[in-house]
Amino acid sequence: MYRAVIAGAQSDAELRATLHERFLATVEQSTFDRIVRAQPSGELVADADLRFPAEVLCGTLYYR
């Protein structure tokens, strides 16, 4: 079913926006939040910009 939604989103701007808003943006933000929580405990460098690593991780999981 997910393949059909993605295929439909390629030609339907409203569906594309909804898919991004309800799924992709939520997953990206959730992943970013989890990674950021590792900074205070010293698991990651405190001043590192984690937006790019979060996007890479999400992209890898999403396109798998």
N, C-alpha and C. Protein backbone atom coordinates (compact mmCIF):
# COMPACT_ATOMS: atom_id res chain seq x y z
N MET A 1 0.82 -1.18 0.00
CA MET A 1 0.00 0.00 0.00
C MET A 1 0.87 1.25 0.00
N TYR A 2 1.97 1.20 0.76
CA TYR A 2 2.85 2.37 0.85
C TYR A 2 3.43 2.73 -0.51
N ARG A 3 3.78 1.71 -1.29
CA ARG A 3 4.29 1.98 -2.65
C ARG A 3 3.26 2.73 -3.49
N ALA A 4 2.01 2.35 -3.35
CA ALA A 4 0.95 3.01 -4.11
C ALA A 4 0.81 4.48 -3.68
N VAL A 5 0.93 4.73 -2.39
CA VAL A 5 0.83 6.11 -1.89
C VAL A 5 2.00 6.93 -2.44
N ILE A 6 3.20 6.38 -2.40
CA ILE A 6 4.37 7.10 -2.93
C ILE A 6 4.21 7.34 -4.43
N ALA A 7 3.74 6.34 -5.15
CA ALA A 7 3.52 6.51 -6.59
C ALA A 7 2.49 7.61 -6.85
N GLY A 8 1.43 7.62 -6.08
CA GLY A 8 0.41 8.65 -6.24
C GLY A 8 0.93 10.03 -5.89
N ALA A 9 1.80 10.10 -4.90
CA ALA A 9 2.36 11.39 -4.47
C ALA A 9 3.25 12.01 -5.54
N GLN A 10 3.78 11.21 -6.43
CA GLN A 10 4.64 11.74 -7.48
C GLN A 10 3.87 12.62 -8.46
N SER A 11 2.58 12.37 -8.58
CA SER A 11 1.79 13.17 -9.52
C SER A 11 0.70 14.00 -8.85
N ASP A 12 0.62 13.94 -7.54
CA ASP A 12 -0.42 14.67 -6.81
C ASP A 12 0.24 15.52 -5.72
N ALA A 13 0.31 16.81 -5.95
CA ALA A 13 1.00 17.72 -5.03
C ALA A 13 0.37 17.72 -3.63
N GLU A 14 -0.94 17.62 -3.55
CA GLU A 14 -1.60 17.62 -2.25
C GLU A 14 -1.27 16.34 -1.46
N LEU A 15 -1.29 15.21 -2.13
CA LEU A 15 -0.92 13.95 -1.49
C LEU A 15 0.54 13.97 -1.06
N ARG A 16 1.40 14.53 -1.90
CA ARG A 16 2.83 14.65 -1.58
C ARG A 16 3.03 15.48 -0.32
N ALA A 17 2.34 16.60 -0.21
CA ALA A 17 2.46 17.46 0.96
C ALA A 17 1.93 16.75 2.22
N THR A 18 0.84 16.04 2.08
CA THR A 18 0.27 15.31 3.21
C THR A 18 1.20 14.20 3.66
N LEU A 19 1.76 13.46 2.73
CA LEU A 19 2.70 12.39 3.06
C LEU A 19 3.91 12.95 3.80
N HIS A 20 4.41 14.06 3.32
CA HIS A 20 5.56 14.67 3.98
C HIS A 20 5.21 15.15 5.38
N GLU A 21 4.10 15.84 5.49
CA GLU A 21 3.69 16.43 6.77
C GLU A 21 3.36 15.37 7.82
N ARG A 22 2.61 14.36 7.43
CA ARG A 22 2.13 13.38 8.41
C ARG A 22 3.10 12.25 8.69
N PHE A 23 4.01 11.98 7.75
CA PHE A 23 4.90 10.85 7.96
C PHE A 23 6.37 11.25 7.98
N LEU A 24 6.85 11.76 6.87
CA LEU A 24 8.28 12.02 6.76
C LEU A 24 8.79 13.05 7.76
N ALA A 25 8.13 14.17 7.86
CA ALA A 25 8.57 15.22 8.79
C ALA A 25 8.52 14.72 10.24
N THR A 26 7.51 13.92 10.55
CA THR A 26 7.38 13.36 11.90
C THR A 26 8.52 12.42 12.22
N VAL A 27 8.85 11.54 11.28
CA VAL A 27 9.95 10.59 11.48
C VAL A 27 11.28 11.34 11.61
N GLU A 28 11.49 12.32 10.75
CA GLU A 28 12.73 13.10 10.80
C GLU A 28 12.87 13.82 12.15
N GLN A 29 11.83 14.45 12.60
CA GLN A 29 11.89 15.19 13.86
C GLN A 29 12.09 14.24 15.04
N SER A 30 11.41 13.13 15.04
CA SER A 30 11.55 12.15 16.11
C SER A 30 12.98 11.60 16.18
N THR A 31 13.55 11.31 15.03
CA THR A 31 14.93 10.82 14.98
C THR A 31 15.89 11.89 15.47
N PHE A 32 15.70 13.11 15.04
CA PHE A 32 16.55 14.22 15.48
C PHE A 32 16.47 14.39 17.00
N ASP A 33 15.27 14.34 17.54
CA ASP A 33 15.08 14.48 18.99
C ASP A 33 15.83 13.39 19.76
N ARG A 34 15.78 12.18 19.26
CA ARG A 34 16.47 11.07 19.93
C ARG A 34 17.98 11.27 19.90
N ILE A 35 18.50 11.69 18.77
CA ILE A 35 19.94 11.90 18.66
C ILE A 35 20.39 13.04 19.57
N VAL A 36 19.63 14.12 19.62
CA VAL A 36 19.99 15.26 20.46
C VAL A 36 20.03 14.88 21.94
N ARG A 37 19.17 13.95 22.36
CA ARG A 37 19.16 13.52 23.76
C ARG A 37 20.47 12.82 24.16
N ALA A 38 21.26 12.39 23.20
CA ALA A 38 22.54 11.74 23.50
C ALA A 38 23.63 12.75 23.85
N GLN A 39 23.44 14.01 23.53
CA GLN A 39 24.47 15.02 23.80
C GLN A 39 24.68 15.28 25.29
N PRO A 40 23.65 15.54 26.07
CA PRO A 40 23.88 15.85 27.49
C PRO A 40 24.57 14.73 28.27
N SER A 41 24.38 13.50 27.84
CA SER A 41 24.99 12.38 28.56
C SER A 41 26.44 12.13 28.13
N GLY A 42 26.91 12.91 27.14
CA GLY A 42 28.28 12.77 26.69
C GLY A 42 28.49 11.73 25.61
N GLU A 43 27.42 11.14 25.13
CA GLU A 43 27.53 10.13 24.07
C GLU A 43 27.93 10.76 22.74
N LEU A 44 27.59 12.02 22.56
CA LEU A 44 27.95 12.77 21.35
C LEU A 44 28.56 14.10 21.75
N VAL A 45 29.37 14.65 20.88
CA VAL A 45 30.02 15.94 21.15
C VAL A 45 28.94 17.00 21.39
N ALA A 46 29.13 17.77 22.45
CA ALA A 46 28.11 18.71 22.89
C ALA A 46 27.75 19.77 21.86
N ASP A 47 28.71 20.26 21.10
CA ASP A 47 28.42 21.36 20.17
C ASP A 47 28.27 20.89 18.72
N ALA A 48 28.14 19.60 18.49
CA ALA A 48 27.98 19.08 17.13
C ALA A 48 26.60 19.44 16.57
N ASP A 49 26.56 19.78 15.28
CA ASP A 49 25.29 20.01 14.59
C ASP A 49 24.77 18.64 14.15
N LEU A 50 23.67 18.22 14.72
CA LEU A 50 23.17 16.87 14.50
C LEU A 50 22.07 16.77 13.45
N ARG A 51 21.71 17.88 12.84
CA ARG A 51 20.62 17.85 11.84
C ARG A 51 21.01 16.97 10.64
N PHE A 52 22.22 17.13 10.12
CA PHE A 52 22.64 16.35 8.97
C PHE A 52 22.72 14.86 9.28
N PRO A 53 23.38 14.46 10.39
CA PRO A 53 23.39 13.02 10.71
C PRO A 53 21.98 12.44 10.87
N ALA A 54 21.06 13.19 11.43
CA ALA A 54 19.69 12.71 11.58
C ALA A 54 19.04 12.52 10.22
N GLU A 55 19.28 13.43 9.29
CA GLU A 55 18.72 13.31 7.94
C GLU A 55 19.30 12.10 7.21
N VAL A 56 20.59 11.88 7.37
CA VAL A 56 21.23 10.72 6.73
C VAL A 56 20.64 9.43 7.28
N LEU A 57 20.49 9.36 8.60
CA LEU A 57 19.92 8.17 9.22
C LEU A 57 18.49 7.94 8.74
N CYS A 58 17.68 8.98 8.73
CA CYS A 58 16.30 8.84 8.28
C CYS A 58 16.23 8.42 6.82
N GLY A 59 17.06 9.02 5.99
CA GLY A 59 17.08 8.67 4.57
C GLY A 59 17.44 7.22 4.37
N THR A 60 18.43 6.76 5.10
CA THR A 60 18.85 5.37 5.00
C THR A 60 17.72 4.42 5.39
N LEU A 61 17.07 4.70 6.49
CA LEU A 61 15.97 3.86 6.94
C LEU A 61 14.77 3.95 6.01
N TYR A 62 14.47 5.14 5.53
CA TYR A 62 13.31 5.35 4.68
C TYR A 62 13.47 4.64 3.34
N TYR A 63 14.61 4.78 2.72
CA TYR A 63 14.81 4.22 1.39
C TYR A 63 15.18 2.74 1.41
N ARG A 64 15.36 2.19 2.60
CA ARG A 64 15.63 0.76 2.71
C ARG A 64 14.39 0.03 2.32
